[in-house]
Amino acid sequence: MSVQLRSKKIKDGKSFYLDIYHDGKRSYKFLKIKVITKGPKKDNPVQRKEKIRIAEERAAQEQIRLISR
């Protein structure tokens, strides 16, 4: 059982998702958290760190949820 936080390149930055492997099955959970690094609406460094922290928190919560099943 594992939960990995992964990112996917999108045209104006990156998007986060969870790669979940549990009971021999792989699944993905998209977090709808995007770090915008290009364009006029790009995130400042503080916003980027906060979004990454939130994504990491969600990964930890999912890991706890799987363990407690």
PDB file of N, CA and C in Angstrom:
ATOM      1  N   MET A   1       0.851  -1.172   0.000  1.00  0.00           N
ATOM      2  CA  MET A   1       0.000   0.000   0.000  1.00  0.00           C
ATOM      3  C   MET A   1       0.896   1.233   0.000  1.00  0.00           C
ATOM      4  N   SER A   2       0.612   2.129  -0.931  1.00  0.00           N
ATOM      5  CA  SER A   2       1.365   3.378  -0.942  1.00  0.00           C
ATOM      6  C   SER A   2       0.543   4.485  -1.601  1.00  0.00           C
ATOM      7  N   VAL A   3       0.844   5.682  -1.181  1.00  0.00           N
ATOM      8  CA  VAL A   3       0.245   6.874  -1.772  1.00  0.00           C
ATOM      9  C   VAL A   3       1.398   7.811  -2.125  1.00  0.00           C
ATOM     10  N   GLN A   4       1.529   8.106  -3.409  1.00  0.00           N
ATOM     11  CA  GLN A   4       2.581   8.993  -3.879  1.00  0.00           C
ATOM     12  C   GLN A   4       1.955  10.267  -4.444  1.00  0.00           C
ATOM     13  N   LEU A   5       2.492  11.397  -4.020  1.00  0.00           N
ATOM     14  CA  LEU A   5       2.075  12.673  -4.595  1.00  0.00           C
ATOM     15  C   LEU A   5       2.871  12.869  -5.873  1.00  0.00           C
ATOM     16  N   ARG A   6       2.172  13.078  -6.961  1.00  0.00           N
ATOM     17  CA  ARG A   6       2.832  13.271  -8.256  1.00  0.00           C
ATOM     18  C   ARG A   6       2.296  14.552  -8.893  1.00  0.00           C
ATOM     19  N   SER A   7       3.068  15.056  -9.840  1.00  0.00           N
ATOM     20  CA  SER A   7       2.628  16.245 -10.556  1.00  0.00           C
ATOM     21  C   SER A   7       2.651  15.969 -12.054  1.00  0.00           C
ATOM     22  N   LYS A   8       1.801  16.669 -12.732  1.00  0.00           N
ATOM     23  CA  LYS A   8       1.682  16.534 -14.179  1.00  0.00           C
ATOM     24  C   LYS A   8       1.865  17.923 -14.787  1.00  0.00           C
ATOM     25  N   LYS A   9       2.698  18.012 -15.824  1.00  0.00           N
ATOM     26  CA  LYS A   9       2.892  19.291 -16.494  1.00  0.00           C
ATOM     27  C   LYS A   9       1.627  19.676 -17.237  1.00  0.00           C
ATOM     28  N   ILE A  10       1.224  20.907 -17.066  1.00  0.00           N
ATOM     29  CA  ILE A  10       0.140  21.475 -17.854  1.00  0.00           C
ATOM     30  C   ILE A  10       0.710  22.702 -18.560  1.00  0.00           C
ATOM     31  N   LYS A  11      -0.046  23.284 -19.453  1.00  0.00           N
ATOM     32  CA  LYS A  11       0.529  24.339 -20.303  1.00  0.00           C
ATOM     33  C   LYS A  11       1.030  25.562 -19.527  1.00  0.00           C
ATOM     34  N   ASP A  12       0.430  25.871 -18.388  1.00  0.00           N
ATOM     35  CA  ASP A  12       0.854  27.061 -17.655  1.00  0.00           C
ATOM     36  C   ASP A  12       1.419  26.758 -16.264  1.00  0.00           C
ATOM     37  N   GLY A  13       1.828  25.509 -16.009  1.00  0.00           N
ATOM     38  CA  GLY A  13       2.403  25.157 -14.715  1.00  0.00           C
ATOM     39  C   GLY A  13       2.359  23.662 -14.479  1.00  0.00           C
ATOM     40  N   LYS A  14       1.836  23.263 -13.299  1.00  0.00           N
ATOM     41  CA  LYS A  14       1.684  21.842 -13.026  1.00  0.00           C
ATOM     42  C   LYS A  14       0.467  21.590 -12.145  1.00  0.00           C
ATOM     43  N   SER A  15      -0.046  20.369 -12.264  1.00  0.00           N
ATOM     44  CA  SER A  15      -1.228  19.935 -11.540  1.00  0.00           C
ATOM     45  C   SER A  15      -0.835  18.737 -10.684  1.00  0.00           C
ATOM     46  N   PHE A  16      -1.415  18.612  -9.495  1.00  0.00           N
ATOM     47  CA  PHE A  16      -1.056  17.531  -8.578  1.00  0.00           C
ATOM     48  C   PHE A  16      -2.119  16.446  -8.555  1.00  0.00           C
ATOM     49  N   TYR A  17      -1.652  15.207  -8.386  1.00  0.00           N
ATOM     50  CA  TYR A  17      -2.549  14.066  -8.233  1.00  0.00           C
ATOM     51  C   TYR A  17      -1.891  13.026  -7.341  1.00  0.00           C
ATOM     52  N   LEU A  18      -2.714  12.108  -6.822  1.00  0.00           N
ATOM     53  CA  LEU A  18      -2.212  11.031  -5.981  1.00  0.00           C
ATOM     54  C   LEU A  18      -2.172   9.750  -6.793  1.00  0.00           C
ATOM     55  N   ASP A  19      -1.072   9.043  -6.688  1.00  0.00           N
ATOM     56  CA  ASP A  19      -0.897   7.732  -7.306  1.00  0.00           C
ATOM     57  C   ASP A  19      -1.047   6.731  -6.163  1.00  0.00           C
ATOM     58  N   ILE A  20      -2.148   6.005  -6.143  1.00  0.00           N
ATOM     59  CA  ILE A  20      -2.494   5.130  -5.022  1.00  0.00           C
ATOM     60  C   ILE A  20      -2.377   3.675  -5.449  1.00  0.00           C
ATOM     61  N   TYR A  21      -1.609   2.903  -4.681  1.00  0.00           N
ATOM     62  CA  TYR A  21      -1.474   1.472  -4.921  1.00  0.00           C
ATOM     63  C   TYR A  21      -1.956   0.762  -3.663  1.00  0.00           C
ATOM     64  N   HIS A  22      -3.068   0.016  -3.788  1.00  0.00           N
ATOM     65  CA  HIS A  22      -3.681  -0.619  -2.619  1.00  0.00           C
ATOM     66  C   HIS A  22      -4.313  -1.945  -3.029  1.00  0.00           C
ATOM     67  N   ASP A  23      -4.033  -2.989  -2.281  1.00  0.00           N
ATOM     68  CA  ASP A  23      -4.564  -4.335  -2.552  1.00  0.00           C
ATOM     69  C   ASP A  23      -4.295  -4.791  -3.984  1.00  0.00           C
ATOM     70  N   GLY A  24      -3.099  -4.507  -4.485  1.00  0.00           N
ATOM     71  CA  GLY A  24      -2.721  -4.944  -5.816  1.00  0.00           C
ATOM     72  C   GLY A  24      -3.330  -4.146  -6.952  1.00  0.00           C
ATOM     73  N   LYS A  25      -3.998  -3.049  -6.636  1.00  0.00           N
ATOM     74  CA  LYS A  25      -4.633  -2.227  -7.663  1.00  0.00           C
ATOM     75  C   LYS A  25      -4.086  -0.804  -7.600  1.00  0.00           C
ATOM     76  N   ARG A  26      -3.935  -0.205  -8.776  1.00  0.00           N
ATOM     77  CA  ARG A  26      -3.466   1.169  -8.867  1.00  0.00           C
ATOM     78  C   ARG A  26      -4.637   2.067  -9.245  1.00  0.00           C
ATOM     79  N   SER A  27      -4.708   3.199  -8.573  1.00  0.00           N
ATOM     80  CA  SER A  27      -5.731   4.184  -8.917  1.00  0.00           C
ATOM     81  C   SER A  27      -5.127   5.576  -8.783  1.00  0.00           C
ATOM     82  N   TYR A  28      -5.808   6.527  -9.348  1.00  0.00           N
ATOM     83  CA  TYR A  28      -5.344   7.910  -9.325  1.00  0.00           C
ATOM     84  C   TYR A  28      -6.453   8.796  -8.787  1.00  0.00           C
ATOM     85  N   LYS A  29      -6.053   9.799  -8.019  1.00  0.00           N
ATOM     86  CA  LYS A  29      -7.015  10.758  -7.497  1.00  0.00           C
ATOM     87  C   LYS A  29      -6.463  12.153  -7.795  1.00  0.00           C
ATOM     88  N   PHE A  30      -7.154  12.870  -8.658  1.00  0.00           N
ATOM     89  CA  PHE A  30      -6.707  14.207  -9.017  1.00  0.00           C
ATOM     90  C   PHE A  30      -7.190  15.201  -7.970  1.00  0.00           C
ATOM     91  N   LEU A  31      -6.275  16.049  -7.516  1.00  0.00           N
ATOM     92  CA  LEU A  31      -6.546  16.928  -6.378  1.00  0.00           C
ATOM     93  C   LEU A  31      -7.121  18.286  -6.762  1.00  0.00           C
ATOM     94  N   LYS A  32      -7.128  18.626  -8.030  1.00  0.00           N
ATOM     95  CA  LYS A  32      -7.609  19.928  -8.494  1.00  0.00           C
ATOM     96  C   LYS A  32      -6.818  21.077  -7.859  1.00  0.00           C
ATOM     97  N   ILE A  33      -5.525  20.806  -7.630  1.00  0.00           N
ATOM     98  CA  ILE A  33      -4.614  21.834  -7.116  1.00  0.00           C
ATOM     99  C   ILE A  33      -3.607  22.100  -8.229  1.00  0.00           C
ATOM    100  N   LYS A  34      -3.539  23.352  -8.662  1.00  0.00           N
ATOM    101  CA  LYS A  34      -2.652  23.712  -9.762  1.00  0.00           C
ATOM    102  C   LYS A  34      -1.724  24.833  -9.330  1.00  0.00           C
ATOM    103  N   VAL A  35      -0.459  24.676  -9.659  1.00  0.00           N
ATOM    104  CA  VAL A  35       0.527  25.732  -9.443  1.00  0.00           C
ATOM    105  C   VAL A  35       0.769  26.369 -10.804  1.00  0.00           C
ATOM    106  N   ILE A  36       0.415  27.624 -10.910  1.00  0.00           N
ATOM    107  CA  ILE A  36       0.537  28.361 -12.169  1.00  0.00           C
ATOM    108  C   ILE A  36       1.880  29.095 -12.161  1.00  0.00           C
ATOM    109  N   THR A  37       2.767  28.727 -13.090  1.00  0.00           N
ATOM    110  CA  THR A  37       4.106  29.323 -13.142  1.00  0.00           C
ATOM    111  C   THR A  37       4.325  30.214 -14.360  1.00  0.00           C
ATOM    112  N   LYS A  38       3.355  30.232 -15.272  1.00  0.00           N
ATOM    113  CA  LYS A  38       3.495  31.039 -16.488  1.00  0.00           C
ATOM    114  C   LYS A  38       2.236  31.862 -16.706  1.00  0.00           C
ATOM    115  N   GLY A  39       2.405  32.953 -17.410  1.00  0.00           N
ATOM    116  CA  GLY A  39       1.257  33.770 -17.771  1.00  0.00           C
ATOM    117  C   GLY A  39       0.980  34.884 -16.781  1.00  0.00           C
ATOM    118  N   PRO A  40      -0.027  35.682 -17.075  1.00  0.00           N
ATOM    119  CA  PRO A  40      -0.333  36.850 -16.236  1.00  0.00           C
ATOM    120  C   PRO A  40      -0.923  36.490 -14.871  1.00  0.00           C
ATOM    121  N   LYS A  41      -1.474  35.296 -14.733  1.00  0.00           N
ATOM    122  CA  LYS A  41      -2.085  34.902 -13.456  1.00  0.00           C
ATOM    123  C   LYS A  41      -1.193  33.954 -12.665  1.00  0.00           C
ATOM    124  N   LYS A  42       0.134  34.018 -12.864  1.00  0.00           N
ATOM    125  CA  LYS A  42       1.021  33.075 -12.192  1.00  0.00           C
ATOM    126  C   LYS A  42       1.036  33.314 -10.682  1.00  0.00           C
ATOM    127  N   ASP A  43       1.253  32.216  -9.951  1.00  0.00           N
ATOM    128  CA  ASP A  43       1.283  32.272  -8.489  1.00  0.00           C
ATOM    129  C   ASP A  43       2.620  32.839  -8.009  1.00  0.00           C
ATOM    130  N   ASN A  44       2.569  33.583  -6.912  1.00  0.00           N
ATOM    131  CA  ASN A  44       3.820  34.055  -6.320  1.00  0.00           C
ATOM    132  C   ASN A  44       4.426  32.906  -5.497  1.00  0.00           C
ATOM    133  N   PRO A  45       5.693  33.023  -5.095  1.00  0.00           N
ATOM    134  CA  PRO A  45       6.360  31.918  -4.393  1.00  0.00           C
ATOM    135  C   PRO A  45       5.638  31.468  -3.121  1.00  0.00           C
ATOM    136  N   VAL A  46       5.025  32.367  -2.402  1.00  0.00           N
ATOM    137  CA  VAL A  46       4.306  32.002  -1.179  1.00  0.00           C
ATOM    138  C   VAL A  46       3.079  31.141  -1.529  1.00  0.00           C
ATOM    139  N   GLN A  47       2.357  31.543  -2.570  1.00  0.00           N
ATOM    140  CA  GLN A  47       1.192  30.759  -3.000  1.00  0.00           C
ATOM    141  C   GLN A  47       1.611  29.370  -3.467  1.00  0.00           C
ATOM    142  N   ARG A  48       2.729  29.295  -4.183  1.00  0.00           N
ATOM    143  CA  ARG A  48       3.220  27.992  -4.673  1.00  0.00           C
ATOM    144  C   ARG A  48       3.522  27.055  -3.513  1.00  0.00           C
ATOM    145  N   LYS A  49       4.251  27.564  -2.521  1.00  0.00           N
ATOM    146  CA  LYS A  49       4.603  26.733  -1.362  1.00  0.00           C
ATOM    147  C   LYS A  49       3.352  26.281  -0.617  1.00  0.00           C
ATOM    148  N   GLU A  50       2.385  27.158  -0.483  1.00  0.00           N
ATOM    149  CA  GLU A  50       1.153  26.817   0.221  1.00  0.00           C
ATOM    150  C   GLU A  50       0.380  25.735  -0.531  1.00  0.00           C
ATOM    151  N   LYS A  51       0.292  25.846  -1.838  1.00  0.00           N
ATOM    152  CA  LYS A  51      -0.414  24.839  -2.631  1.00  0.00           C
ATOM    153  C   LYS A  51       0.291  23.483  -2.553  1.00  0.00           C
ATOM    154  N   ILE A  52       1.615  23.491  -2.583  1.00  0.00           N
ATOM    155  CA  ILE A  52       2.373  22.241  -2.459  1.00  0.00           C
ATOM    156  C   ILE A  52       2.154  21.639  -1.072  1.00  0.00           C
ATOM    157  N   ARG A  53       2.141  22.474  -0.041  1.00  0.00           N
ATOM    158  CA  ARG A  53       1.910  21.993   1.322  1.00  0.00           C
ATOM    159  C   ARG A  53       0.525  21.361   1.438  1.00  0.00           C
ATOM    160  N   ILE A  54      -0.469  21.972   0.838  1.00  0.00           N
ATOM    161  CA  ILE A  54      -1.833  21.434   0.874  1.00  0.00           C
ATOM    162  C   ILE A  54      -1.886  20.087   0.153  1.00  0.00           C
ATOM    163  N   ALA A  55      -1.210  19.980  -0.986  1.00  0.00           N
ATOM    164  CA  ALA A  55      -1.183  18.720  -1.729  1.00  0.00           C
ATOM    165  C   ALA A  55      -0.508  17.628  -0.903  1.00  0.00           C
ATOM    166  N   GLU A  56       0.587  17.965  -0.223  1.00  0.00           N
ATOM    167  CA  GLU A  56       1.270  16.989   0.630  1.00  0.00           C
ATOM    168  C   GLU A  56       0.381  16.552   1.795  1.00  0.00           C
ATOM    169  N   GLU A  57      -0.359  17.495   2.356  1.00  0.00           N
ATOM    170  CA  GLU A  57      -1.300  17.177   3.440  1.00  0.00           C
ATOM    171  C   GLU A  57      -2.374  16.206   2.967  1.00  0.00           C
ATOM    172  N   ARG A  58      -2.918  16.453   1.778  1.00  0.00           N
ATOM    173  CA  ARG A  58      -3.940  15.574   1.218  1.00  0.00           C
ATOM    174  C   ARG A  58      -3.399  14.164   1.011  1.00  0.00           C
ATOM    175  N   ALA A  59      -2.132  14.060   0.567  1.00  0.00           N
ATOM    176  CA  ALA A  59      -1.502  12.749   0.370  1.00  0.00           C
ATOM    177  C   ALA A  59      -1.385  12.025   1.709  1.00  0.00           C
ATOM    178  N   ALA A  60      -0.987  12.740   2.750  1.00  0.00           N
ATOM    179  CA  ALA A  60      -0.868  12.138   4.077  1.00  0.00           C
ATOM    180  C   ALA A  60      -2.237  11.693   4.598  1.00  0.00           C
ATOM    181  N   GLN A  61      -3.268  12.493   4.382  1.00  0.00           N
ATOM    182  CA  GLN A  61      -4.619  12.135   4.816  1.00  0.00           C
ATOM    183  C   GLN A  61      -5.111  10.882   4.098  1.00  0.00           C
ATOM    184  N   GLU A  62      -4.810  10.780   2.814  1.00  0.00           N
ATOM    185  CA  GLU A  62      -5.227   9.604   2.047  1.00  0.00           C
ATOM    186  C   GLU A  62      -4.498   8.354   2.553  1.00  0.00           C
ATOM    187  N   GLN A  63      -3.214   8.500   2.885  1.00  0.00           N
ATOM    188  CA  GLN A  63      -2.440   7.383   3.425  1.00  0.00           C
ATOM    189  C   GLN A  63      -3.055   6.915   4.752  1.00  0.00           C
ATOM    190  N   ILE A  64      -3.407   7.842   5.615  1.00  0.00           N
ATOM    191  CA  ILE A  64      -4.049   7.501   6.892  1.00  0.00           C
ATOM    192  C   ILE A  64      -5.377   6.821   6.659  1.00  0.00           C
ATOM    193  N   ARG A  65      -6.163   7.327   5.704  1.00  0.00           N
ATOM    194  CA  ARG A  65      -7.458   6.733   5.406  1.00  0.00           C
ATOM    195  C   ARG A  65      -7.317   5.271   4.948  1.00  0.00           C
ATOM    196  N   LEU A  66      -6.321   5.004   4.130  1.00  0.00           N
ATOM    197  CA  LEU A  66      -6.106   3.643   3.653  1.00  0.00           C
ATOM    198  C   LEU A  66      -5.642   2.703   4.769  1.00  0.00           C
ATOM    199  N   ILE A  67      -4.809   3.218   5.650  1.00  0.00           N
ATOM    200  CA  ILE A  67      -4.315   2.398   6.760  1.00  0.00           C
ATOM    201  C   ILE A  67      -5.436   2.038   7.712  1.00  0.00           C
ATOM    202  N   SER A  68      -6.354   2.963   7.949  1.00  0.00           N
ATOM    203  CA  SER A  68      -7.426   2.748   8.922  1.00  0.00           C
ATOM    204  C   SER A  68      -8.583   1.922   8.384  1.00  0.00           C
ATOM    205  N   ARG A  69      -8.531   1.523   7.145  1.00  0.00           N
ATOM    206  CA  ARG A  69      -9.601   0.698   6.568  1.00  0.00           C
ATOM    207  C   ARG A  69      -9.657  -0.653   7.208  1.00  0.00           C
TER     208      ARG A  69
END
